[in-house]
PDB file of N, CA and C in Angstrom:
ATOM      1  N   UNK A   1     133.061-131.020-225.680  1.00  0.00           N
ATOM      2  CA  UNK A   1     131.736-130.571-225.323  1.00  0.00           C
ATOM      3  C   UNK A   1     131.608-129.057-225.508  1.00  0.00           C
ATOM      4  N   UNK A   2     132.686-128.335-225.203  1.00  0.00           N
ATOM      5  CA  UNK A   2     132.640-126.877-225.335  1.00  0.00           C
ATOM      6  C   UNK A   2     132.464-126.449-226.791  1.00  0.00           C
ATOM      7  N   UNK A   3     133.084-127.199-227.720  1.00  0.00           N
ATOM      8  CA  UNK A   3     132.962-126.860-229.137  1.00  0.00           C
ATOM      9  C   UNK A   3     131.517-127.030-229.622  1.00  0.00           C
ATOM     10  N   UNK A   4     130.882-128.116-229.243  1.00  0.00           N
ATOM     11  CA  UNK A   4     129.490-128.357-229.633  1.00  0.00           C
ATOM     12  C   UNK A   4     128.583-127.290-229.023  1.00  0.00           C
ATOM     13  N   UNK A   5     128.840-126.958-227.766  1.00  0.00           N
ATOM     14  CA  UNK A   5     128.059-125.934-227.077  1.00  0.00           C
ATOM     15  C   UNK A   5     128.211-124.580-227.773  1.00  0.00           C
ATOM     16  N   UNK A   6     129.447-124.232-228.144  1.00  0.00           N
ATOM     17  CA  UNK A   6     129.704-122.966-228.834  1.00  0.00           C
ATOM     18  C   UNK A   6     129.029-122.929-230.203  1.00  0.00           C
ATOM     19  N   UNK A   7     129.110-124.041-230.924  1.00  0.00           N
ATOM     20  CA  UNK A   7     128.456-124.099-232.234  1.00  0.00           C
ATOM     21  C   UNK A   7     126.942-123.967-232.113  1.00  0.00           C
ATOM     22  N   UNK A   8     126.359-124.576-231.098  1.00  0.00           N
ATOM     23  CA  UNK A   8     124.907-124.466-230.887  1.00  0.00           C
ATOM     24  C   UNK A   8     124.518-123.014-230.627  1.00  0.00           C
ATOM     25  N   UNK A   9     125.293-122.331-229.790  1.00  0.00           N
ATOM     26  CA  UNK A   9     125.014-120.923-229.510  1.00  0.00           C
ATOM     27  C   UNK A   9     125.150-120.091-230.778  1.00  0.00           C
ATOM     28  N   UNK A  10     126.206-120.340-231.549  1.00  0.00           N
ATOM     29  CA  UNK A  10     126.423-119.586-232.789  1.00  0.00           C
ATOM     30  C   UNK A  10     125.339-119.811-233.818  1.00  0.00           C
ATOM     31  N   UNK A  11     124.899-121.046-233.975  1.00  0.00           N
ATOM     32  CA  UNK A  11     123.848-121.359-234.947  1.00  0.00           C
ATOM     33  C   UNK A  11     122.525-120.722-234.531  1.00  0.00           C
ATOM     34  N   UNK A  12     122.218-120.799-233.242  1.00  0.00           N
ATOM     35  CA  UNK A  12     120.968-120.187-232.767  1.00  0.00           C
ATOM     36  C   UNK A  12     120.994-118.671-232.935  1.00  0.00           C
ATOM     37  N   UNK A  13     122.125-118.047-232.628  1.00  0.00           N
ATOM     38  CA  UNK A  13     122.231-116.595-232.780  1.00  0.00           C
ATOM     39  C   UNK A  13     122.155-116.202-234.255  1.00  0.00           C
ATOM     40  N   UNK A  14     122.804-116.966-235.115  1.00  0.00           N
ATOM     41  CA  UNK A  14     122.764-116.672-236.554  1.00  0.00           C
ATOM     42  C   UNK A  14     121.348-116.801-237.109  1.00  0.00           C
ATOM     43  N   UNK A  15     120.664-117.873-236.745  1.00  0.00           N
ATOM     44  CA  UNK A  15     119.281-118.059-237.198  1.00  0.00           C
ATOM     45  C   UNK A  15     118.383-116.955-236.652  1.00  0.00           C
ATOM     46  N   UNK A  16     118.611-116.537-235.408  1.00  0.00           N
ATOM     47  CA  UNK A  16     117.824-115.457-234.823  1.00  0.00           C
ATOM     48  C   UNK A  16     118.031-114.137-235.543  1.00  0.00           C
ATOM     49  N   UNK A  17     119.274-113.831-235.876  1.00  0.00           N
ATOM     50  CA  UNK A  17     119.558-112.588-236.608  1.00  0.00           C
ATOM     51  C   UNK A  17     118.938-112.641-237.998  1.00  0.00           C
ATOM     52  N   UNK A  18     119.027-113.806-238.657  1.00  0.00           N
ATOM     53  CA  UNK A  18     118.408-113.945-239.976  1.00  0.00           C
ATOM     54  C   UNK A  18     116.901-113.693-239.898  1.00  0.00           C
ATOM     55  N   UNK A  19     116.258-114.276-238.890  1.00  0.00           N
ATOM     56  CA  UNK A  19     114.813-114.088-238.753  1.00  0.00           C
ATOM     57  C   UNK A  19     114.458-112.651-238.379  1.00  0.00           C
ATOM     58  N   UNK A  20     115.324-111.974-237.638  1.00  0.00           N
ATOM     59  CA  UNK A  20     115.066-110.568-237.293  1.00  0.00           C
ATOM     60  C   UNK A  20     115.053-109.677-238.531  1.00  0.00           C
ATOM     61  N   UNK A  21     115.780-110.065-239.552  1.00  0.00           N
ATOM     62  CA  UNK A  21     115.871-109.250-240.767  1.00  0.00           C
ATOM     63  C   UNK A  21     114.720-109.484-241.736  1.00  0.00           C
ATOM     64  N   UNK A  22     113.789-110.368-241.396  1.00  0.00           N
ATOM     65  CA  UNK A  22     112.638-110.635-242.255  1.00  0.00           C
ATOM     66  C   UNK A  22     111.587-109.546-242.073  1.00  0.00           C
ATOM     67  N   UNK A  23     110.693-109.436-243.042  1.00  0.00           N
ATOM     68  CA  UNK A  23     109.696-108.367-243.010  1.00  0.00           C
ATOM     69  C   UNK A  23     108.403-108.774-242.311  1.00  0.00           C
ATOM     70  N   UNK A  24     108.259-110.032-241.965  1.00  0.00           N
ATOM     71  CA  UNK A  24     107.037-110.494-241.314  1.00  0.00           C
ATOM     72  C   UNK A  24     107.198-110.462-239.804  1.00  0.00           C
ATOM     73  N   UNK A  25     106.158-110.093-239.111  1.00  0.00           N
ATOM     74  CA  UNK A  25     106.222-109.913-237.667  1.00  0.00           C
ATOM     75  C   UNK A  25     106.465-111.229-236.939  1.00  0.00           C
ATOM     76  N   UNK A  26     105.847-112.306-237.375  1.00  0.00           N
ATOM     77  CA  UNK A  26     106.020-113.587-236.702  1.00  0.00           C
ATOM     78  C   UNK A  26     107.475-114.046-236.752  1.00  0.00           C
ATOM     79  N   UNK A  27     108.137-113.873-237.893  1.00  0.00           N
ATOM     80  CA  UNK A  27     109.539-114.251-238.006  1.00  0.00           C
ATOM     81  C   UNK A  27     110.414-113.406-237.092  1.00  0.00           C
ATOM     82  N   UNK A  28     110.077-112.134-236.932  1.00  0.00           N
ATOM     83  CA  UNK A  28     110.834-111.262-236.039  1.00  0.00           C
ATOM     84  C   UNK A  28     110.688-111.740-234.595  1.00  0.00           C
ATOM     85  N   UNK A  29     109.490-112.124-234.189  1.00  0.00           N
ATOM     86  CA  UNK A  29     109.267-112.625-232.831  1.00  0.00           C
ATOM     87  C   UNK A  29     110.047-113.923-232.613  1.00  0.00           C
ATOM     88  N   UNK A  30     110.038-114.817-233.582  1.00  0.00           N
ATOM     89  CA  UNK A  30     110.792-116.065-233.457  1.00  0.00           C
ATOM     90  C   UNK A  30     112.301-115.786-233.428  1.00  0.00           C
ATOM     91  N   UNK A  31     112.756-114.795-234.184  1.00  0.00           N
ATOM     92  CA  UNK A  31     114.170-114.414-234.155  1.00  0.00           C
ATOM     93  C   UNK A  31     114.586-113.890-232.796  1.00  0.00           C
ATOM     94  N   UNK A  32     113.736-113.063-232.191  1.00  0.00           N
ATOM     95  CA  UNK A  32     114.025-112.573-230.845  1.00  0.00           C
ATOM     96  C   UNK A  32     114.073-113.719-229.841  1.00  0.00           C
ATOM     97  N   UNK A  33     113.195-114.684-230.001  1.00  0.00           N
ATOM     98  CA  UNK A  33     113.194-115.844-229.104  1.00  0.00           C
ATOM     99  C   UNK A  33     114.479-116.653-229.259  1.00  0.00           C
ATOM    100  N   UNK A  34     114.910-116.881-230.503  1.00  0.00           N
ATOM    101  CA  UNK A  34     116.145-117.636-230.721  1.00  0.00           C
ATOM    102  C   UNK A  34     117.361-116.920-230.156  1.00  0.00           C
ATOM    103  N   UNK A  35     117.423-115.603-230.321  1.00  0.00           N
ATOM    104  CA  UNK A  35     118.534-114.845-229.754  1.00  0.00           C
ATOM    105  C   UNK A  35     118.482-114.917-228.232  1.00  0.00           C
ATOM    106  N   UNK A  36     117.302-114.852-227.676  1.00  0.00           N
ATOM    107  CA  UNK A  36     117.144-114.973-226.228  1.00  0.00           C
ATOM    108  C   UNK A  36     117.649-116.323-225.738  1.00  0.00           C
ATOM    109  N   UNK A  37     117.318-117.403-226.451  1.00  0.00           N
ATOM    110  CA  UNK A  37     117.790-118.731-226.057  1.00  0.00           C
ATOM    111  C   UNK A  37     119.304-118.839-226.194  1.00  0.00           C
ATOM    112  N   UNK A  38     119.866-118.242-227.241  1.00  0.00           N
ATOM    113  CA  UNK A  38     121.322-118.271-227.412  1.00  0.00           C
ATOM    114  C   UNK A  38     122.021-117.542-226.268  1.00  0.00           C
ATOM    115  N   UNK A  39     121.487-116.399-225.869  1.00  0.00           N
ATOM    116  CA  UNK A  39     122.075-115.656-224.749  1.00  0.00           C
ATOM    117  C   UNK A  39     121.927-116.449-223.452  1.00  0.00           C
ATOM    118  N   UNK A  40     120.792-117.101-223.259  1.00  0.00           N
ATOM    119  CA  UNK A  40     120.613-117.936-222.066  1.00  0.00           C
ATOM    120  C   UNK A  40     121.638-119.061-222.022  1.00  0.00           C
ATOM    121  N   UNK A  41     121.880-119.716-223.150  1.00  0.00           N
ATOM    122  CA  UNK A  41     122.888-120.775-223.187  1.00  0.00           C
ATOM    123  C   UNK A  41     124.282-120.220-222.912  1.00  0.00           C
ATOM    124  N   UNK A  42     124.561-119.031-223.431  1.00  0.00           N
ATOM    125  CA  UNK A  42     125.863-118.400-223.189  1.00  0.00           C
ATOM    126  C   UNK A  42     126.053-118.119-221.699  1.00  0.00           C
ATOM    127  N   UNK A  43     125.042-117.555-221.065  1.00  0.00           N
ATOM    128  CA  UNK A  43     125.127-117.272-219.629  1.00  0.00           C
ATOM    129  C   UNK A  43     125.253-118.574-218.846  1.00  0.00           C
ATOM    130  N   UNK A  44     124.504-119.590-219.236  1.00  0.00           N
ATOM    131  CA  UNK A  44     124.569-120.874-218.555  1.00  0.00           C
ATOM    132  C   UNK A  44     125.961-121.491-218.688  1.00  0.00           C
ATOM    133  N   UNK A  45     126.573-121.327-219.841  1.00  0.00           N
ATOM    134  CA  UNK A  45     127.924-121.842-220.059  1.00  0.00           C
ATOM    135  C   UNK A  45     128.977-121.142-219.220  1.00  0.00           C
ATOM    136  N   UNK A  46     128.718-119.917-218.825  1.00  0.00           N
ATOM    137  CA  UNK A  46     129.667-119.190-217.985  1.00  0.00           C
ATOM    138  C   UNK A  46     129.749-119.783-216.573  1.00  0.00           C
ATOM    139  N   UNK A  47     128.765-120.584-216.195  1.00  0.00           N
ATOM    140  CA  UNK A  47     128.760-121.216-214.876  1.00  0.00           C
ATOM    141  C   UNK A  47     129.520-122.531-214.866  1.00  0.00           C
ATOM    142  N   UNK A  48     130.422-122.739-215.773  1.00  0.00           N
ATOM    143  CA  UNK A  48     131.224-123.956-215.941  1.00  0.00           C
ATOM    144  C   UNK A  48     130.362-125.120-216.410  1.00  0.00           C
ATOM    145  N   UNK A  49     130.763-125.726-217.494  1.00  0.00           N
ATOM    146  CA  UNK A  49     130.060-126.895-218.016  1.00  0.00           C
ATOM    147  C   UNK A  49     130.616-128.129-217.319  1.00  0.00           C
ATOM    148  N   UNK A  50     129.923-128.566-216.308  1.00  0.00           N
ATOM    149  CA  UNK A  50     130.363-129.736-215.538  1.00  0.00           C
ATOM    150  C   UNK A  50     129.188-130.695-215.394  1.00  0.00           C
ATOM    151  N   UNK A  51     129.447-131.957-215.630  1.00  0.00           N
ATOM    152  CA  UNK A  51     128.413-132.981-215.490  1.00  0.00           C
ATOM    153  C   UNK A  51     128.506-133.561-214.087  1.00  0.00           C
ATOM    154  N   UNK A  52     127.395-133.594-213.379  1.00  0.00           N
ATOM    155  CA  UNK A  52     127.343-134.190-212.058  1.00  0.00           C
ATOM    156  C   UNK A  52     127.871-133.308-210.942  1.00  0.00           C
ATOM    157  N   UNK A  53     128.169-132.047-211.225  1.00  0.00           N
ATOM    158  CA  UNK A  53     128.648-131.138-210.186  1.00  0.00           C
ATOM    159  C   UNK A  53     127.455-130.477-209.513  1.00  0.00           C
ATOM    160  N   UNK A  54     127.480-130.411-208.211  1.00  0.00           N
ATOM    161  CA  UNK A  54     126.381-129.798-207.484  1.00  0.00           C
ATOM    162  C   UNK A  54     126.601-128.296-207.364  1.00  0.00           C
ATOM    163  N   UNK A  55     125.536-127.494-207.368  1.00  0.00           N
ATOM    164  CA  UNK A  55     125.694-126.051-207.216  1.00  0.00           C
ATOM    165  C   UNK A  55     125.785-125.610-205.762  1.00  0.00           C
ATOM    166  N   UNK A  56     125.515-126.529-204.828  1.00  0.00           N
ATOM    167  CA  UNK A  56     125.520-126.186-203.410  1.00  0.00           C
ATOM    168  C   UNK A  56     126.695-126.905-202.747  1.00  0.00           C
ATOM    169  N   UNK A  57     127.390-126.215-201.860  1.00  0.00           N
ATOM    170  CA  UNK A  57     128.565-126.795-201.208  1.00  0.00           C
ATOM    171  C   UNK A  57     128.146-127.964-200.323  1.00  0.00           C
ATOM    172  N   UNK A  58     128.846-129.064-200.506  1.00  0.00           N
ATOM    173  CA  UNK A  58     128.601-130.277-199.741  1.00  0.00           C
ATOM    174  C   UNK A  58     129.752-130.460-198.759  1.00  0.00           C
ATOM    175  N   UNK A  59     129.446-130.737-197.518  1.00  0.00           N
ATOM    176  CA  UNK A  59     130.479-130.844-196.483  1.00  0.00           C
ATOM    177  C   UNK A  59     131.430-132.012-196.732  1.00  0.00           C
ATOM    178  N   UNK A  60     130.957-133.068-197.399  1.00  0.00           N
ATOM    179  CA  UNK A  60     131.820-134.231-197.626  1.00  0.00           C
ATOM    180  C   UNK A  60     132.809-134.019-198.763  1.00  0.00           C
ATOM    181  N   UNK A  61     132.521-133.093-199.680  1.00  0.00           N
ATOM    182  CA  UNK A  61     133.396-132.870-200.832  1.00  0.00           C
ATOM    183  C   UNK A  61     134.431-131.783-200.592  1.00  0.00           C
ATOM    184  N   UNK A  62     134.252-130.954-199.593  1.00  0.00           N
ATOM    185  CA  UNK A  62     135.197-129.874-199.342  1.00  0.00           C
ATOM    186  C   UNK A  62     134.699-128.568-199.929  1.00  0.00           C
ATOM    187  N   UNK A  63     135.549-127.545-199.851  1.00  0.00           N
ATOM    188  CA  UNK A  63     135.135-126.218-200.307  1.00  0.00           C
ATOM    189  C   UNK A  63     135.904-125.744-201.536  1.00  0.00           C
ATOM    190  N   UNK A  64     136.520-126.647-202.275  1.00  0.00           N
ATOM    191  CA  UNK A  64     137.233-126.259-203.489  1.00  0.00           C
ATOM    192  C   UNK A  64     136.219-125.855-204.563  1.00  0.00           C
ATOM    193  N   UNK A  65     136.292-124.606-205.071  1.00  0.00           N
ATOM    194  CA  UNK A  65     135.307-124.149-206.060  1.00  0.00           C
ATOM    195  C   UNK A  65     135.320-124.934-207.368  1.00  0.00           C
ATOM    196  N   UNK A  66     136.415-125.616-207.671  1.00  0.00           N
ATOM    197  CA  UNK A  66     136.489-126.387-208.910  1.00  0.00           C
ATOM    198  C   UNK A  66     135.574-127.605-208.891  1.00  0.00           C
ATOM    199  N   UNK A  67     135.102-128.001-207.715  1.00  0.00           N
ATOM    200  CA  UNK A  67     134.245-129.176-207.606  1.00  0.00           C
ATOM    201  C   UNK A  67     132.765-128.859-207.808  1.00  0.00           C
ATOM    202  N   UNK A  68     132.428-127.593-207.896  1.00  0.00           N
ATOM    203  CA  UNK A  68     131.024-127.196-207.906  1.00  0.00           C
ATOM    204  C   UNK A  68     130.685-126.378-209.149  1.00  0.00           C
ATOM    205  N   UNK A  69     129.423-126.391-209.507  1.00  0.00           N
ATOM    206  CA  UNK A  69     128.912-125.522-210.566  1.00  0.00           C
ATOM    207  C   UNK A  69     128.478-124.202-209.928  1.00  0.00           C
ATOM    208  N   UNK A  70     128.592-123.126-210.674  1.00  0.00           N
ATOM    209  CA  UNK A  70     128.199-121.818-210.162  1.00  0.00           C
ATOM    210  C   UNK A  70     126.674-121.701-210.204  1.00  0.00           C
ATOM    211  N   UNK A  71     126.002-121.488-209.073  1.00  0.00           N
ATOM    212  CA  UNK A  71     124.537-121.450-209.074  1.00  0.00           C
ATOM    213  C   UNK A  71     123.957-120.146-209.602  1.00  0.00           C
ATOM    214  N   UNK A  72     124.733-119.068-209.635  1.00  0.00           N
ATOM    215  CA  UNK A  72     124.192-117.785-210.082  1.00  0.00           C
ATOM    216  C   UNK A  72     123.754-117.802-211.552  1.00  0.00           C
ATOM    217  N   UNK A  73     124.572-118.283-212.499  1.00  0.00           N
ATOM    218  CA  UNK A  73     124.084-118.345-213.888  1.00  0.00           C
ATOM    219  C   UNK A  73     122.855-119.231-214.040  1.00  0.00           C
ATOM    220  N   UNK A  74     122.772-120.295-213.258  1.00  0.00           N
ATOM    221  CA  UNK A  74     121.599-121.163-213.335  1.00  0.00           C
ATOM    222  C   UNK A  74     120.341-120.412-212.908  1.00  0.00           C
ATOM    223  N   UNK A  75     120.451-119.634-211.837  1.00  0.00           N
ATOM    224  CA  UNK A  75     119.302-118.852-211.369  1.00  0.00           C
ATOM    225  C   UNK A  75     118.939-117.755-212.371  1.00  0.00           C
ATOM    226  N   UNK A  76     119.949-117.102-212.948  1.00  0.00           N
ATOM    227  CA  UNK A  76     119.684-116.048-213.937  1.00  0.00           C
ATOM    228  C   UNK A  76     119.000-116.605-215.177  1.00  0.00           C
ATOM    229  N   UNK A  77     119.455-117.744-215.648  1.00  0.00           N
ATOM    230  CA  UNK A  77     118.865-118.345-216.850  1.00  0.00           C
ATOM    231  C   UNK A  77     117.443-118.802-216.571  1.00  0.00           C
ATOM    232  N   UNK A  78     117.200-119.387-215.413  1.00  0.00           N
ATOM    233  CA  UNK A  78     115.844-119.805-215.074  1.00  0.00           C
ATOM    234  C   UNK A  78     114.894-118.616-215.051  1.00  0.00           C
ATOM    235  N   UNK A  79     115.336-117.509-214.468  1.00  0.00           N
ATOM    236  CA  UNK A  79     114.517-116.294-214.447  1.00  0.00           C
ATOM    237  C   UNK A  79     114.323-115.754-215.865  1.00  0.00           C
ATOM    238  N   UNK A  80     115.376-115.764-216.670  1.00  0.00           N
ATOM    239  CA  UNK A  80     115.277-115.263-218.043  1.00  0.00           C
ATOM    240  C   UNK A  80     114.341-116.115-218.888  1.00  0.00           C
ATOM    241  N   UNK A  81     114.306-117.413-218.654  1.00  0.00           N
ATOM    242  CA  UNK A  81     113.395-118.287-219.399  1.00  0.00           C
ATOM    243  C   UNK A  81     111.946-117.933-219.094  1.00  0.00           C
ATOM    244  N   UNK A  82     111.637-117.721-217.823  1.00  0.00           N
ATOM    245  CA  UNK A  82     110.270-117.387-217.428  1.00  0.00           C
ATOM    246  C   UNK A  82     109.862-116.036-218.004  1.00  0.00           C
ATOM    247  N   UNK A  83     110.730-115.048-217.892  1.00  0.00           N
ATOM    248  CA  UNK A  83     110.430-113.720-218.421  1.00  0.00           C
ATOM    249  C   UNK A  83     110.334-113.753-219.939  1.00  0.00           C
ATOM    250  N   UNK A  84     111.231-114.493-220.596  1.00  0.00           N
ATOM    251  CA  UNK A  84     111.192-114.608-222.061  1.00  0.00           C
ATOM    252  C   UNK A  84     109.914-115.259-222.552  1.00  0.00           C
ATOM    253  N   UNK A  85     109.438-116.267-221.833  1.00  0.00           N
ATOM    254  CA  UNK A  85     108.180-116.915-222.210  1.00  0.00           C
ATOM    255  C   UNK A  85     107.021-115.934-222.098  1.00  0.00           C
ATOM    256  N   UNK A  86     106.995-115.143-221.040  1.00  0.00           N
ATOM    257  CA  UNK A  86     105.909-114.174-220.853  1.00  0.00           C
ATOM    258  C   UNK A  86     105.952-113.090-221.929  1.00  0.00           C
ATOM    259  N   UNK A  87     107.141-112.616-222.256  1.00  0.00           N
ATOM    260  CA  UNK A  87     107.274-111.571-223.277  1.00  0.00           C
ATOM    261  C   UNK A  87     106.882-112.116-224.645  1.00  0.00           C
ATOM    262  N   UNK A  88     107.268-113.355-224.961  1.00  0.00           N
ATOM    263  CA  UNK A  88     106.883-113.956-226.239  1.00  0.00           C
ATOM    264  C   UNK A  88     105.364-114.112-226.326  1.00  0.00           C
ATOM    265  N   UNK A  89     104.737-114.522-225.249  1.00  0.00           N
ATOM    266  CA  UNK A  89     103.276-114.637-225.244  1.00  0.00           C
ATOM    267  C   UNK A  89     102.629-113.272-225.460  1.00  0.00           C
ATOM    268  N   UNK A  90     103.160-112.239-224.818  1.00  0.00           N
ATOM    269  CA  UNK A  90     102.637-110.889-225.011  1.00  0.00           C
ATOM    270  C   UNK A  90     102.805-110.436-226.454  1.00  0.00           C
ATOM    271  N   UNK A  91     103.991-110.688-227.040  1.00  0.00           N
ATOM    272  CA  UNK A  91     104.225-110.318-228.442  1.00  0.00           C
ATOM    273  C   UNK A  91     103.246-111.025-229.374  1.00  0.00           C
ATOM    274  N   UNK A  92     102.982-112.296-229.117  1.00  0.00           N
ATOM    275  CA  UNK A  92     102.055-113.030-229.985  1.00  0.00           C
ATOM    276  C   UNK A  92     100.632-112.499-229.872  1.00  0.00           C
ATOM    277  N   UNK A  93     100.220-112.096-228.677  1.00  0.00           N
ATOM    278  CA  UNK A  93      98.886-111.514-228.513  1.00  0.00           C
ATOM    279  C   UNK A  93      98.805-110.178-229.260  1.00  0.00           C
ATOM    280  N   UNK A  94      99.839-109.363-229.138  1.00  0.00           N
ATOM    281  CA  UNK A  94      99.861-108.089-229.860  1.00  0.00           C
ATOM    282  C   UNK A  94      99.881-108.334-231.367  1.00  0.00           C
ATOM    283  N   UNK A  95     100.618-109.350-231.815  1.00  0.00           N
ATOM    284  CA  UNK A  95     100.654-109.702-233.234  1.00  0.00           C
ATOM    285  C   UNK A  95      99.264-110.080-233.735  1.00  0.00           C
ATOM    286  N   UNK A  96      98.558-110.901-232.976  1.00  0.00           N
ATOM    287  CA  UNK A  96      97.210-111.308-233.393  1.00  0.00           C
ATOM    288  C   UNK A  96      96.253-110.117-233.421  1.00  0.00           C
ATOM    289  N   UNK A  97      96.372-109.216-232.455  1.00  0.00           N
ATOM    290  CA  UNK A  97      95.512-108.030-232.444  1.00  0.00           C
ATOM    291  C   UNK A  97      95.829-107.114-233.622  1.00  0.00           C
ATOM    292  N   UNK A  98      97.110-106.913-233.904  1.00  0.00           N
ATOM    293  CA  UNK A  98      97.502-106.050-235.023  1.00  0.00           C
ATOM    294  C   UNK A  98      97.084-106.665-236.352  1.00  0.00           C
ATOM    295  N   UNK A  99      97.210-107.985-236.450  1.00  0.00           N
ATOM    296  CA  UNK A  99      96.808-108.639-237.693  1.00  0.00           C
ATOM    297  C   UNK A  99      95.294-108.548-237.889  1.00  0.00           C
ATOM    298  N   UNK A 100      94.541-108.618-236.797  1.00  0.00           N
ATOM    299  CA  UNK A 100      93.092-108.484-236.898  1.00  0.00           C
ATOM    300  C   UNK A 100      92.679-107.091-237.323  1.00  0.00           C
ATOM    301  N   UNK A 101      93.415-106.071-236.858  1.00  0.00           N
ATOM    302  CA  UNK A 101      93.072-104.693-237.228  1.00  0.00           C
ATOM    303  C   UNK A 101      93.544-104.333-238.628  1.00  0.00           C
ATOM    304  N   UNK A 102      94.772-104.734-238.974  1.00  0.00           N
ATOM    305  CA  UNK A 102      95.344-104.332-240.253  1.00  0.00           C
ATOM    306  C   UNK A 102      95.076-105.336-241.366  1.00  0.00           C
ATOM    307  N   UNK A 103      94.774-106.565-241.011  1.00  0.00           N
ATOM    308  CA  UNK A 103      94.543-107.582-242.021  1.00  0.00           C
ATOM    309  C   UNK A 103      95.813-108.240-242.514  1.00  0.00           C
ATOM    310  N   UNK A 104      96.974-107.843-242.013  1.00  0.00           N
ATOM    311  CA  UNK A 104      98.259-108.429-242.398  1.00  0.00           C
ATOM    312  C   UNK A 104      99.231-108.300-241.242  1.00  0.00           C
ATOM    313  N   UNK A 105     100.255-109.122-241.251  1.00  0.00           N
ATOM    314  CA  UNK A 105     101.292-108.984-240.238  1.00  0.00           C
ATOM    315  C   UNK A 105     102.607-108.532-240.859  1.00  0.00           C
ATOM    316  N   UNK A 106     102.532-108.022-242.087  1.00  0.00           N
ATOM    317  CA  UNK A 106     103.713-107.492-242.761  1.00  0.00           C
ATOM    318  C   UNK A 106     104.104-106.171-242.118  1.00  0.00           C
ATOM    319  N   UNK A 107     105.379-105.887-242.030  1.00  0.00           N
ATOM    320  CA  UNK A 107     105.874-104.721-241.297  1.00  0.00           C
ATOM    321  C   UNK A 107     105.349-103.404-241.867  1.00  0.00           C
ATOM    322  N   UNK A 108     105.341-103.259-243.190  1.00  0.00           N
ATOM    323  CA  UNK A 108     104.903-101.983-243.763  1.00  0.00           C
ATOM    324  C   UNK A 108     103.393-101.933-244.020  1.00  0.00           C
ATOM    325  N   UNK A 109     102.670-102.967-243.597  1.00  0.00           N
ATOM    326  CA  UNK A 109     101.221-102.936-243.683  1.00  0.00           C
ATOM    327  C   UNK A 109     100.642-103.435-244.984  1.00  0.00           C
ATOM    328  N   UNK A 110     101.460-103.861-245.911  1.00  0.00           N
ATOM    329  CA  UNK A 110     100.925-104.373-247.176  1.00  0.00           C
ATOM    330  C   UNK A 110     101.592-105.690-247.499  1.00  0.00           C
ATOM    331  N   UNK A 111     100.895-106.503-248.208  1.00  0.00           N
ATOM    332  CA  UNK A 111     101.414-107.811-248.594  1.00  0.00           C
ATOM    333  C   UNK A 111     102.476-107.646-249.679  1.00  0.00           C
ATOM    334  N   UNK A 112     103.497-108.498-249.675  1.00  0.00           N
ATOM    335  CA  UNK A 112     104.478-108.436-250.752  1.00  0.00           C
ATOM    336  C   UNK A 112     103.849-108.865-252.069  1.00  0.00           C
ATOM    337  N   UNK A 113     104.339-108.289-253.158  1.00  0.00           N
ATOM    338  CA  UNK A 113     103.804-108.618-254.481  1.00  0.00           C
ATOM    339  C   UNK A 113     104.225-110.011-254.891  1.00  0.00           C
ATOM    340  N   UNK A 114     103.292-110.709-255.506  1.00  0.00           N
ATOM    341  CA  UNK A 114     103.586-112.079-255.949  1.00  0.00           C
ATOM    342  C   UNK A 114     103.953-112.057-257.417  1.00  0.00           C
ATOM    343  N   UNK A 115     104.845-112.946-257.770  1.00  0.00           N
ATOM    344  CA  UNK A 115     105.290-113.004-259.175  1.00  0.00           C
ATOM    345  C   UNK A 115     104.531-114.015-259.957  1.00  0.00           C
TER     346      UNK A 115
END
């Protein structure tokens, strides 16, 4: 499971970096979102990948930390998802406003030449 999880994080980060290097604003915003999701998965993975483990200590199971998932990464990722969604929405609104003023969403303000 850890190998699949690591590959998913790597693929998302690679795709995000590729999109960040594009000249169009929309692709840059999507690249930032993908990198954000990859970092969220990485942080979530630091809280131990356990199926069926509770994040809150249960009196019947004991106090051994190996039996529980770490609740802090879960809380951090949940907060990061909400903030990331708000920032992406803000970026898209700014993109639409800039495109309306400039007539293009290309980084240098002009459309690429067609062959």
